[in-house]
Amino acid sequence: MFHPFHKSFVCFHGFRLAKILKKPLEEIKSWLKKAHFYNPNNNTFHLLWIEILFKEKQIKEVNEYIANLLIQRKSAFLETLFCGNTRYYCDFIFDYFF
């Protein structure tokens, strides 16, 4: 009925609203997981997941997640990270690395 990108878009906005409304982290994560499920190639969702892992202080998981992304989709991921062809400004993630 609805294209997966539409479903992903709706879930992404659920994620954004949950963050704005300061909902519990589990609810925020749930929306992002759903958005990613419908659009697994969206690198912005990967960056947002890394942000959540940082907030949870799961540094080992961050390292493993990034390592896997660099193996599986290095070029596309780095392009998104450095805001190549994305509409979502991604420099927020650098604060967590420092």
Protein backbone atom coordinates (compact mmCIF):
# COMPACT_ATOMS: atom_id res chain seq x y z
CA MET A 1 0.00 0.00 0.00
CA PHE A 2 2.60 2.60 1.08
CA HIS A 3 6.14 2.63 -0.25
CA PRO A 4 8.82 1.78 2.33
CA PHE A 5 10.34 5.27 1.94
CA HIS A 6 7.04 6.81 3.01
CA LYS A 7 6.92 4.54 6.04
CA SER A 8 10.51 5.42 6.84
CA PHE A 9 9.73 9.13 6.55
CA VAL A 10 6.82 8.83 8.98
CA CYS A 11 8.95 6.89 11.47
CA PHE A 12 11.80 9.40 11.16
CA HIS A 13 9.41 12.19 12.09
CA GLY A 14 8.17 10.10 15.00
CA PHE A 15 11.81 9.88 16.08
CA ARG A 16 12.28 13.66 15.73
CA LEU A 17 9.11 14.43 17.68
CA ALA A 18 10.03 11.95 20.41
CA LYS A 19 13.38 13.74 20.79
CA ILE A 20 11.77 17.18 20.83
CA LEU A 21 9.21 16.06 23.41
CA LYS A 22 12.00 14.47 25.48
CA LYS A 23 10.35 11.07 25.46
CA PRO A 24 12.16 8.10 27.04
CA LEU A 25 15.22 6.97 25.12
CA GLU A 26 13.65 3.57 24.44
CA GLU A 27 10.79 5.25 22.59
CA ILE A 28 13.20 7.40 20.60
CA LYS A 29 15.24 4.32 19.70
CA SER A 30 12.11 2.45 18.67
CA TRP A 31 11.15 5.12 16.13
CA LEU A 32 14.66 5.20 14.70
CA LYS A 33 14.80 1.41 14.42
CA LYS A 34 11.50 1.45 12.51
CA ALA A 35 12.73 4.20 10.17
CA HIS A 36 15.92 2.22 9.54
CA PHE A 37 13.94 -0.98 8.94
CA TYR A 38 12.03 0.65 6.08
CA ASN A 39 15.10 2.40 4.63
CA PRO A 40 18.25 0.51 5.71
CA ASN A 41 20.47 2.34 3.23
CA ASN A 42 19.89 5.75 4.78
CA ASN A 43 23.23 6.66 6.32
CA THR A 44 21.72 9.48 8.35
CA PHE A 45 19.87 6.85 10.36
CA HIS A 46 23.23 5.20 11.07
CA LEU A 47 24.63 8.51 12.32
CA LEU A 48 21.62 9.05 14.54
CA TRP A 49 22.05 5.54 15.95
CA ILE A 50 25.70 6.33 16.70
CA GLU A 51 24.52 9.45 18.53
CA ILE A 52 22.22 7.31 20.67
CA LEU A 53 25.04 4.88 21.45
CA PHE A 54 27.21 7.81 22.53
CA LYS A 55 24.43 9.13 24.76
CA GLU A 56 24.20 5.71 26.36
CA LYS A 57 28.00 5.79 26.82
CA GLN A 58 28.37 2.59 24.81
CA ILE A 59 31.75 3.50 23.35
CA LYS A 60 32.73 -0.06 22.49
CA GLU A 61 29.50 -0.47 20.52
CA VAL A 62 30.13 2.85 18.74
CA ASN A 63 33.55 1.63 17.63
CA GLU A 64 32.17 -1.70 16.42
CA TYR A 65 29.24 -0.06 14.65
CA ILE A 66 31.47 2.41 12.83
CA ALA A 67 33.97 -0.31 11.94
CA ASN A 68 31.16 -2.36 10.37
CA LEU A 69 29.85 0.66 8.47
CA LEU A 70 33.33 1.36 7.10
CA ILE A 71 33.59 -2.24 5.91
CA GLN A 72 30.09 -2.45 4.43
CA ARG A 73 29.50 1.04 3.02
CA LYS A 74 32.56 3.20 3.54
CA SER A 75 32.16 5.61 0.65
CA ALA A 76 28.44 6.29 1.12
CA PHE A 77 28.77 6.56 4.90
CA LEU A 78 31.69 8.99 4.76
CA GLU A 79 29.89 11.08 2.17
CA THR A 80 26.90 11.40 4.50
CA LEU A 81 29.10 12.03 7.53
CA PHE A 82 30.76 14.94 5.80
CA CYS A 83 27.39 16.17 4.46
CA GLY A 84 27.92 15.39 0.82
CA ASN A 85 24.46 14.66 -0.58
CA THR A 86 22.25 14.85 2.47
CA ARG A 87 19.63 17.29 3.59
CA TYR A 88 20.27 16.53 7.24
CA TYR A 89 23.18 18.47 8.71
CA CYS A 90 25.47 15.84 10.26
CA ASP A 91 28.22 17.74 12.05
CA PHE A 92 26.45 17.20 15.40
CA ILE A 93 28.10 13.80 15.61
CA PHE A 94 31.63 15.24 15.80
CA ASP A 95 30.95 16.72 19.25
CA TYR A 96 30.59 13.19 20.61
CA PHE A 97 33.97 12.14 19.28
CA PHE A 98 35.65 14.95 21.17
